[in-house]
């Protein structure tokens, strides 16, 4: 079972990536097409019903135009 810190970090990471997606005006469909990640999976992650793999996060970040570590750093800085 993951630690509370790990769960909190993942929650913040998804929020950071969601905000970036919204700021770029990307729908789930567009983000899915750009990343190659299933649209339904993206929706489940954003609603915290499932946990994304590191590989999916990598592809989603690339589709947003930044490496994954940039989103990780932003998530760590959030309260």
PDB file of N, CA and C in Angstrom:
ATOM      1  N   UNK A   1       0.847  -1.185   0.000  1.00  0.00           N
ATOM      2  CA  UNK A   1       0.000   0.000   0.000  1.00  0.00           C
ATOM      3  C   UNK A   1       0.890   1.246   0.000  1.00  0.00           C
ATOM      4  N   UNK A   2       0.572   2.211  -0.870  1.00  0.00           N
ATOM      5  CA  UNK A   2       1.401   3.422  -0.930  1.00  0.00           C
ATOM      6  C   UNK A   2       1.256   4.271   0.330  1.00  0.00           C
ATOM      7  N   UNK A   3       2.287   5.038   0.595  1.00  0.00           N
ATOM      8  CA  UNK A   3       2.253   5.944   1.746  1.00  0.00           C
ATOM      9  C   UNK A   3       1.296   7.102   1.464  1.00  0.00           C
ATOM     10  N   UNK A   4       0.888   7.775   2.519  1.00  0.00           N
ATOM     11  CA  UNK A   4       0.027   8.965   2.377  1.00  0.00           C
ATOM     12  C   UNK A   4       0.725  10.033   1.551  1.00  0.00           C
ATOM     13  N   UNK A   5       2.047  10.156   1.741  1.00  0.00           N
ATOM     14  CA  UNK A   5       2.816  11.142   0.989  1.00  0.00           C
ATOM     15  C   UNK A   5       2.790  10.826  -0.503  1.00  0.00           C
ATOM     16  N   UNK A   6       2.924   9.552  -0.840  1.00  0.00           N
ATOM     17  CA  UNK A   6       2.901   9.149  -2.247  1.00  0.00           C
ATOM     18  C   UNK A   6       1.520   9.406  -2.842  1.00  0.00           C
ATOM     19  N   UNK A   7       0.482   9.095  -2.105  1.00  0.00           N
ATOM     20  CA  UNK A   7      -0.876   9.344  -2.584  1.00  0.00           C
ATOM     21  C   UNK A   7      -1.121  10.836  -2.785  1.00  0.00           C
ATOM     22  N   UNK A   8      -0.661  11.644  -1.849  1.00  0.00           N
ATOM     23  CA  UNK A   8      -0.822  13.103  -1.959  1.00  0.00           C
ATOM     24  C   UNK A   8      -0.053  13.643  -3.156  1.00  0.00           C
ATOM     25  N   UNK A   9       1.157  13.138  -3.354  1.00  0.00           N
ATOM     26  CA  UNK A   9       1.962  13.582  -4.493  1.00  0.00           C
ATOM     27  C   UNK A   9       1.250  13.253  -5.805  1.00  0.00           C
ATOM     28  N   UNK A  10       0.748  12.043  -5.945  1.00  0.00           N
ATOM     29  CA  UNK A  10       0.070  11.651  -7.179  1.00  0.00           C
ATOM     30  C   UNK A  10      -1.168  12.518  -7.399  1.00  0.00           C
ATOM     31  N   UNK A  11      -1.904  12.781  -6.345  1.00  0.00           N
ATOM     32  CA  UNK A  11      -3.080  13.642  -6.451  1.00  0.00           C
ATOM     33  C   UNK A  11      -2.688  15.020  -6.969  1.00  0.00           C
ATOM     34  N   UNK A  12      -1.627  15.592  -6.425  1.00  0.00           N
ATOM     35  CA  UNK A  12      -1.164  16.911  -6.865  1.00  0.00           C
ATOM     36  C   UNK A  12      -0.633  16.862  -8.294  1.00  0.00           C
ATOM     37  N   UNK A  13       0.079  15.808  -8.635  1.00  0.00           N
ATOM     38  CA  UNK A  13       0.619  15.669  -9.991  1.00  0.00           C
ATOM     39  C   UNK A  13      -0.515  15.656 -11.011  1.00  0.00           C
ATOM     40  N   UNK A  14      -1.549  14.911 -10.729  1.00  0.00           N
ATOM     41  CA  UNK A  14      -2.690  14.851 -11.649  1.00  0.00           C
ATOM     42  C   UNK A  14      -3.370  16.219 -11.739  1.00  0.00           C
ATOM     43  N   UNK A  15      -3.494  16.925 -10.626  1.00  0.00           N
ATOM     44  CA  UNK A  15      -4.079  18.265 -10.649  1.00  0.00           C
ATOM     45  C   UNK A  15      -3.252  19.216 -11.502  1.00  0.00           C
ATOM     46  N   UNK A  16      -1.928  19.142 -11.364  1.00  0.00           N
ATOM     47  CA  UNK A  16      -1.034  20.007 -12.143  1.00  0.00           C
ATOM     48  C   UNK A  16      -1.180  19.714 -13.633  1.00  0.00           C
ATOM     49  N   UNK A  17      -1.217  18.441 -13.976  1.00  0.00           N
ATOM     50  CA  UNK A  17      -1.332  18.073 -15.383  1.00  0.00           C
ATOM     51  C   UNK A  17      -2.716  18.424 -15.928  1.00  0.00           C
ATOM     52  N   UNK A  18      -3.754  18.258 -15.116  1.00  0.00           N
ATOM     53  CA  UNK A  18      -5.105  18.639 -15.519  1.00  0.00           C
ATOM     54  C   UNK A  18      -5.171  20.142 -15.802  1.00  0.00           C
ATOM     55  N   UNK A  19      -4.593  20.937 -14.926  1.00  0.00           N
ATOM     56  CA  UNK A  19      -4.596  22.389 -15.134  1.00  0.00           C
ATOM     57  C   UNK A  19      -3.881  22.740 -16.428  1.00  0.00           C
ATOM     58  N   UNK A  20      -2.757  22.114 -16.690  1.00  0.00           N
ATOM     59  CA  UNK A  20      -2.020  22.376 -17.927  1.00  0.00           C
ATOM     60  C   UNK A  20      -2.862  21.983 -19.145  1.00  0.00           C
ATOM     61  N   UNK A  21      -3.532  20.850 -19.070  1.00  0.00           N
ATOM     62  CA  UNK A  21      -4.405  20.411 -20.170  1.00  0.00           C
ATOM     63  C   UNK A  21      -5.487  21.447 -20.419  1.00  0.00           C
ATOM     64  N   UNK A  22      -6.117  21.900 -19.350  1.00  0.00           N
ATOM     65  CA  UNK A  22      -7.183  22.885 -19.477  1.00  0.00           C
ATOM     66  C   UNK A  22      -6.655  24.218 -19.990  1.00  0.00           C
ATOM     67  N   UNK A  23      -5.483  24.639 -19.491  1.00  0.00           N
ATOM     68  CA  UNK A  23      -4.883  25.892 -19.948  1.00  0.00           C
ATOM     69  C   UNK A  23      -4.574  25.851 -21.439  1.00  0.00           C
ATOM     70  N   UNK A  24      -4.231  24.677 -21.939  1.00  0.00           N
ATOM     71  CA  UNK A  24      -3.934  24.518 -23.362  1.00  0.00           C
ATOM     72  C   UNK A  24      -5.193  24.288 -24.192  1.00  0.00           C
ATOM     73  N   UNK A  25      -6.347  24.178 -23.516  1.00  0.00           N
ATOM     74  CA  UNK A  25      -7.610  23.996 -24.202  1.00  0.00           C
ATOM     75  C   UNK A  25      -7.779  22.624 -24.836  1.00  0.00           C
ATOM     76  N   UNK A  26      -7.106  21.623 -24.256  1.00  0.00           N
ATOM     77  CA  UNK A  26      -7.192  20.272 -24.805  1.00  0.00           C
ATOM     78  C   UNK A  26      -8.338  19.492 -24.164  1.00  0.00           C
ATOM     79  N   UNK A  27      -9.139  18.867 -24.980  1.00  0.00           N
ATOM     80  CA  UNK A  27     -10.160  17.949 -24.488  1.00  0.00           C
ATOM     81  C   UNK A  27      -9.493  16.618 -24.163  1.00  0.00           C
ATOM     82  N   UNK A  28     -10.230  15.736 -23.503  1.00  0.00           N
ATOM     83  CA  UNK A  28      -9.703  14.385 -23.270  1.00  0.00           C
ATOM     84  C   UNK A  28      -9.366  13.718 -24.597  1.00  0.00           C
ATOM     85  N   UNK A  29     -10.226  13.917 -25.589  1.00  0.00           N
ATOM     86  CA  UNK A  29     -10.021  13.295 -26.893  1.00  0.00           C
ATOM     87  C   UNK A  29      -8.733  13.793 -27.545  1.00  0.00           C
ATOM     88  N   UNK A  30      -8.518  15.100 -27.505  1.00  0.00           N
ATOM     89  CA  UNK A  30      -7.318  15.670 -28.116  1.00  0.00           C
ATOM     90  C   UNK A  30      -6.060  15.232 -27.378  1.00  0.00           C
ATOM     91  N   UNK A  31      -6.126  15.206 -26.052  1.00  0.00           N
ATOM     92  CA  UNK A  31      -4.970  14.790 -25.254  1.00  0.00           C
ATOM     93  C   UNK A  31      -4.671  13.316 -25.493  1.00  0.00           C
ATOM     94  N   UNK A  32      -5.719  12.538 -25.599  1.00  0.00           N
ATOM     95  CA  UNK A  32      -5.573  11.113 -25.881  1.00  0.00           C
ATOM     96  C   UNK A  32      -4.908  10.895 -27.237  1.00  0.00           C
ATOM     97  N   UNK A  33      -5.386  11.613 -28.241  1.00  0.00           N
ATOM     98  CA  UNK A  33      -4.823  11.468 -29.587  1.00  0.00           C
ATOM     99  C   UNK A  33      -3.359  11.897 -29.619  1.00  0.00           C
ATOM    100  N   UNK A  34      -3.029  12.975 -28.920  1.00  0.00           N
ATOM    101  CA  UNK A  34      -1.656  13.481 -28.919  1.00  0.00           C
ATOM    102  C   UNK A  34      -0.697  12.584 -28.143  1.00  0.00           C
ATOM    103  N   UNK A  35      -1.213  11.895 -27.129  1.00  0.00           N
ATOM    104  CA  UNK A  35      -0.348  11.092 -26.250  1.00  0.00           C
ATOM    105  C   UNK A  35      -0.373   9.600 -26.567  1.00  0.00           C
ATOM    106  N   UNK A  36      -1.438   9.153 -27.222  1.00  0.00           N
ATOM    107  CA  UNK A  36      -1.594   7.727 -27.458  1.00  0.00           C
ATOM    108  C   UNK A  36      -2.148   6.984 -26.254  1.00  0.00           C
ATOM    109  N   UNK A  37      -2.626   7.728 -25.255  1.00  0.00           N
ATOM    110  CA  UNK A  37      -3.185   7.146 -24.037  1.00  0.00           C
ATOM    111  C   UNK A  37      -4.708   7.140 -24.159  1.00  0.00           C
ATOM    112  N   UNK A  38      -5.338   6.060 -23.738  1.00  0.00           N
ATOM    113  CA  UNK A  38      -6.780   5.900 -23.837  1.00  0.00           C
ATOM    114  C   UNK A  38      -7.533   7.035 -23.140  1.00  0.00           C
ATOM    115  N   UNK A  39      -8.530   7.598 -23.828  1.00  0.00           N
ATOM    116  CA  UNK A  39      -9.300   8.713 -23.299  1.00  0.00           C
ATOM    117  C   UNK A  39     -10.039   8.339 -22.015  1.00  0.00           C
ATOM    118  N   UNK A  40     -10.606   7.152 -21.972  1.00  0.00           N
ATOM    119  CA  UNK A  40     -11.331   6.720 -20.775  1.00  0.00           C
ATOM    120  C   UNK A  40     -10.384   6.600 -19.581  1.00  0.00           C
ATOM    121  N   UNK A  41      -9.165   6.148 -19.823  1.00  0.00           N
ATOM    122  CA  UNK A  41      -8.178   6.047 -18.742  1.00  0.00           C
ATOM    123  C   UNK A  41      -7.838   7.430 -18.197  1.00  0.00           C
ATOM    124  N   UNK A  42      -7.674   8.387 -19.087  1.00  0.00           N
ATOM    125  CA  UNK A  42      -7.379   9.766 -18.661  1.00  0.00           C
ATOM    126  C   UNK A  42      -8.503  10.272 -17.752  1.00  0.00           C
ATOM    127  N   UNK A  43      -9.728  10.037 -18.137  1.00  0.00           N
ATOM    128  CA  UNK A  43     -10.870  10.469 -17.336  1.00  0.00           C
ATOM    129  C   UNK A  43     -10.871   9.806 -15.962  1.00  0.00           C
ATOM    130  N   UNK A  44     -10.578   8.510 -15.921  1.00  0.00           N
ATOM    131  CA  UNK A  44     -10.541   7.798 -14.632  1.00  0.00           C
ATOM    132  C   UNK A  44      -9.439   8.342 -13.733  1.00  0.00           C
ATOM    133  N   UNK A  45      -8.295   8.683 -14.303  1.00  0.00           N
ATOM    134  CA  UNK A  45      -7.189   9.224 -13.492  1.00  0.00           C
ATOM    135  C   UNK A  45      -7.545  10.592 -12.949  1.00  0.00           C
ATOM    136  N   UNK A  46      -8.115  11.437 -13.801  1.00  0.00           N
ATOM    137  CA  UNK A  46      -8.469  12.781 -13.357  1.00  0.00           C
ATOM    138  C   UNK A  46      -9.530  12.746 -12.257  1.00  0.00           C
ATOM    139  N   UNK A  47     -10.394  11.750 -12.280  1.00  0.00           N
ATOM    140  CA  UNK A  47     -11.418  11.626 -11.234  1.00  0.00           C
ATOM    141  C   UNK A  47     -10.933  10.755 -10.077  1.00  0.00           C
ATOM    142  N   UNK A  48      -9.662  10.381 -10.105  1.00  0.00           N
ATOM    143  CA  UNK A  48      -8.986   9.613  -9.057  1.00  0.00           C
ATOM    144  C   UNK A  48      -9.632   8.253  -8.813  1.00  0.00           C
ATOM    145  N   UNK A  49     -10.127   7.649  -9.879  1.00  0.00           N
ATOM    146  CA  UNK A  49     -10.692   6.311  -9.773  1.00  0.00           C
ATOM    147  C   UNK A  49      -9.647   5.240 -10.071  1.00  0.00           C
ATOM    148  N   UNK A  50      -8.560   5.625 -10.715  1.00  0.00           N
ATOM    149  CA  UNK A  50      -7.475   4.699 -11.064  1.00  0.00           C
ATOM    150  C   UNK A  50      -6.144   5.435 -10.926  1.00  0.00           C
ATOM    151  N   UNK A  51      -5.070   4.661 -10.906  1.00  0.00           N
ATOM    152  CA  UNK A  51      -3.716   5.208 -10.801  1.00  0.00           C
ATOM    153  C   UNK A  51      -3.004   4.997 -12.130  1.00  0.00           C
ATOM    154  N   UNK A  52      -2.473   6.073 -12.723  1.00  0.00           N
ATOM    155  CA  UNK A  52      -1.780   5.929 -14.003  1.00  0.00           C
ATOM    156  C   UNK A  52      -0.403   5.291 -13.840  1.00  0.00           C
ATOM    157  N   UNK A  53       0.052   4.658 -14.897  1.00  0.00           N
ATOM    158  CA  UNK A  53       1.419   4.124 -14.897  1.00  0.00           C
ATOM    159  C   UNK A  53       2.397   5.260 -15.171  1.00  0.00           C
ATOM    160  N   UNK A  54       3.629   5.052 -14.826  1.00  0.00           N
ATOM    161  CA  UNK A  54       4.662   6.050 -15.095  1.00  0.00           C
ATOM    162  C   UNK A  54       4.824   6.261 -16.594  1.00  0.00           C
ATOM    163  N   UNK A  55       4.645   5.209 -17.368  1.00  0.00           N
ATOM    164  CA  UNK A  55       4.770   5.321 -18.823  1.00  0.00           C
ATOM    165  C   UNK A  55       3.653   6.182 -19.401  1.00  0.00           C
ATOM    166  N   UNK A  56       2.434   6.023 -18.894  1.00  0.00           N
ATOM    167  CA  UNK A  56       1.321   6.860 -19.356  1.00  0.00           C
ATOM    168  C   UNK A  56       1.561   8.314 -18.963  1.00  0.00           C
ATOM    169  N   UNK A  57       2.008   8.557 -17.738  1.00  0.00           N
ATOM    170  CA  UNK A  57       2.306   9.920 -17.299  1.00  0.00           C
ATOM    171  C   UNK A  57       3.373  10.559 -18.176  1.00  0.00           C
ATOM    172  N   UNK A  58       4.380   9.784 -18.540  1.00  0.00           N
ATOM    173  CA  UNK A  58       5.449  10.276 -19.409  1.00  0.00           C
ATOM    174  C   UNK A  58       4.869  10.732 -20.755  1.00  0.00           C
ATOM    175  N   UNK A  59       4.030   9.885 -21.357  1.00  0.00           N
ATOM    176  CA  UNK A  59       3.437  10.213 -22.654  1.00  0.00           C
ATOM    177  C   UNK A  59       2.475  11.394 -22.556  1.00  0.00           C
ATOM    178  N   UNK A  60       1.709  11.461 -21.476  1.00  0.00           N
ATOM    179  CA  UNK A  60       0.789  12.584 -21.292  1.00  0.00           C
ATOM    180  C   UNK A  60       1.545  13.900 -21.127  1.00  0.00           C
ATOM    181  N   UNK A  61       2.627  13.874 -20.367  1.00  0.00           N
ATOM    182  CA  UNK A  61       3.440  15.081 -20.179  1.00  0.00           C
ATOM    183  C   UNK A  61       4.039  15.528 -21.511  1.00  0.00           C
ATOM    184  N   UNK A  62       4.551  14.581 -22.272  1.00  0.00           N
ATOM    185  CA  UNK A  62       5.137  14.918 -23.573  1.00  0.00           C
ATOM    186  C   UNK A  62       4.094  15.564 -24.480  1.00  0.00           C
ATOM    187  N   UNK A  63       2.866  15.066 -24.421  1.00  0.00           N
ATOM    188  CA  UNK A  63       1.796  15.634 -25.246  1.00  0.00           C
ATOM    189  C   UNK A  63       1.439  17.057 -24.806  1.00  0.00           C
ATOM    190  N   UNK A  64       1.748  17.393 -23.557  1.00  0.00           N
ATOM    191  CA  UNK A  64       1.530  18.752 -23.060  1.00  0.00           C
ATOM    192  C   UNK A  64       2.712  19.664 -23.364  1.00  0.00           C
ATOM    193  N   UNK A  65       3.792  19.089 -23.893  1.00  0.00           N
ATOM    194  CA  UNK A  65       4.932  19.893 -24.313  1.00  0.00           C
ATOM    195  C   UNK A  65       6.018  20.072 -23.274  1.00  0.00           C
ATOM    196  N   UNK A  66       5.975  19.303 -22.200  1.00  0.00           N
ATOM    197  CA  UNK A  66       6.998  19.401 -21.157  1.00  0.00           C
ATOM    198  C   UNK A  66       7.386  18.007 -20.694  1.00  0.00           C
ATOM    199  N   UNK A  67       8.625  17.846 -20.237  1.00  0.00           N
ATOM    200  CA  UNK A  67       9.003  16.549 -19.672  1.00  0.00           C
ATOM    201  C   UNK A  67       8.277  16.325 -18.343  1.00  0.00           C
ATOM    202  N   UNK A  68       8.092  15.079 -18.003  1.00  0.00           N
ATOM    203  CA  UNK A  68       7.364  14.712 -16.792  1.00  0.00           C
ATOM    204  C   UNK A  68       7.955  15.347 -15.540  1.00  0.00           C
ATOM    205  N   UNK A  69       9.268  15.457 -15.469  1.00  0.00           N
ATOM    206  CA  UNK A  69       9.881  15.996 -14.244  1.00  0.00           C
ATOM    207  C   UNK A  69       9.421  17.425 -13.949  1.00  0.00           C
ATOM    208  N   UNK A  70       9.072  18.190 -14.970  1.00  0.00           N
ATOM    209  CA  UNK A  70       8.588  19.558 -14.754  1.00  0.00           C
ATOM    210  C   UNK A  70       7.274  19.526 -13.974  1.00  0.00           C
ATOM    211  N   UNK A  71       6.384  18.617 -14.342  1.00  0.00           N
ATOM    212  CA  UNK A  71       5.112  18.490 -13.633  1.00  0.00           C
ATOM    213  C   UNK A  71       5.323  17.928 -12.230  1.00  0.00           C
ATOM    214  N   UNK A  72       6.275  17.032 -12.087  1.00  0.00           N
ATOM    215  CA  UNK A  72       6.590  16.485 -10.756  1.00  0.00           C
ATOM    216  C   UNK A  72       7.095  17.582  -9.827  1.00  0.00           C
ATOM    217  N   UNK A  73       7.962  18.433 -10.335  1.00  0.00           N
ATOM    218  CA  UNK A  73       8.496  19.530  -9.523  1.00  0.00           C
ATOM    219  C   UNK A  73       7.374  20.488  -9.104  1.00  0.00           C
ATOM    220  N   UNK A  74       6.464  20.783 -10.015  1.00  0.00           N
ATOM    221  CA  UNK A  74       5.332  21.661  -9.672  1.00  0.00           C
ATOM    222  C   UNK A  74       4.448  21.008  -8.611  1.00  0.00           C
ATOM    223  N   UNK A  75       4.222  19.709  -8.740  1.00  0.00           N
ATOM    224  CA  UNK A  75       3.383  18.995  -7.776  1.00  0.00           C
ATOM    225  C   UNK A  75       4.020  18.991  -6.390  1.00  0.00           C
ATOM    226  N   UNK A  76       5.336  18.862  -6.319  1.00  0.00           N
ATOM    227  CA  UNK A  76       6.018  18.856  -5.022  1.00  0.00           C
ATOM    228  C   UNK A  76       5.938  20.201  -4.324  1.00  0.00           C
ATOM    229  N   UNK A  77       5.823  21.278  -5.092  1.00  0.00           N
ATOM    230  CA  UNK A  77       5.790  22.623  -4.521  1.00  0.00           C
ATOM    231  C   UNK A  77       4.411  23.035  -4.065  1.00  0.00           C
ATOM    232  N   UNK A  78       3.377  22.283  -4.470  1.00  0.00           N
ATOM    233  CA  UNK A  78       2.007  22.629  -4.083  1.00  0.00           C
ATOM    234  C   UNK A  78       1.787  22.263  -2.617  1.00  0.00           C
ATOM    235  N   UNK A  79       0.946  23.055  -1.945  1.00  0.00           N
ATOM    236  CA  UNK A  79       0.668  22.756  -0.528  1.00  0.00           C
ATOM    237  C   UNK A  79      -0.082  21.465  -0.329  1.00  0.00           C
TER     238      UNK A  79
END
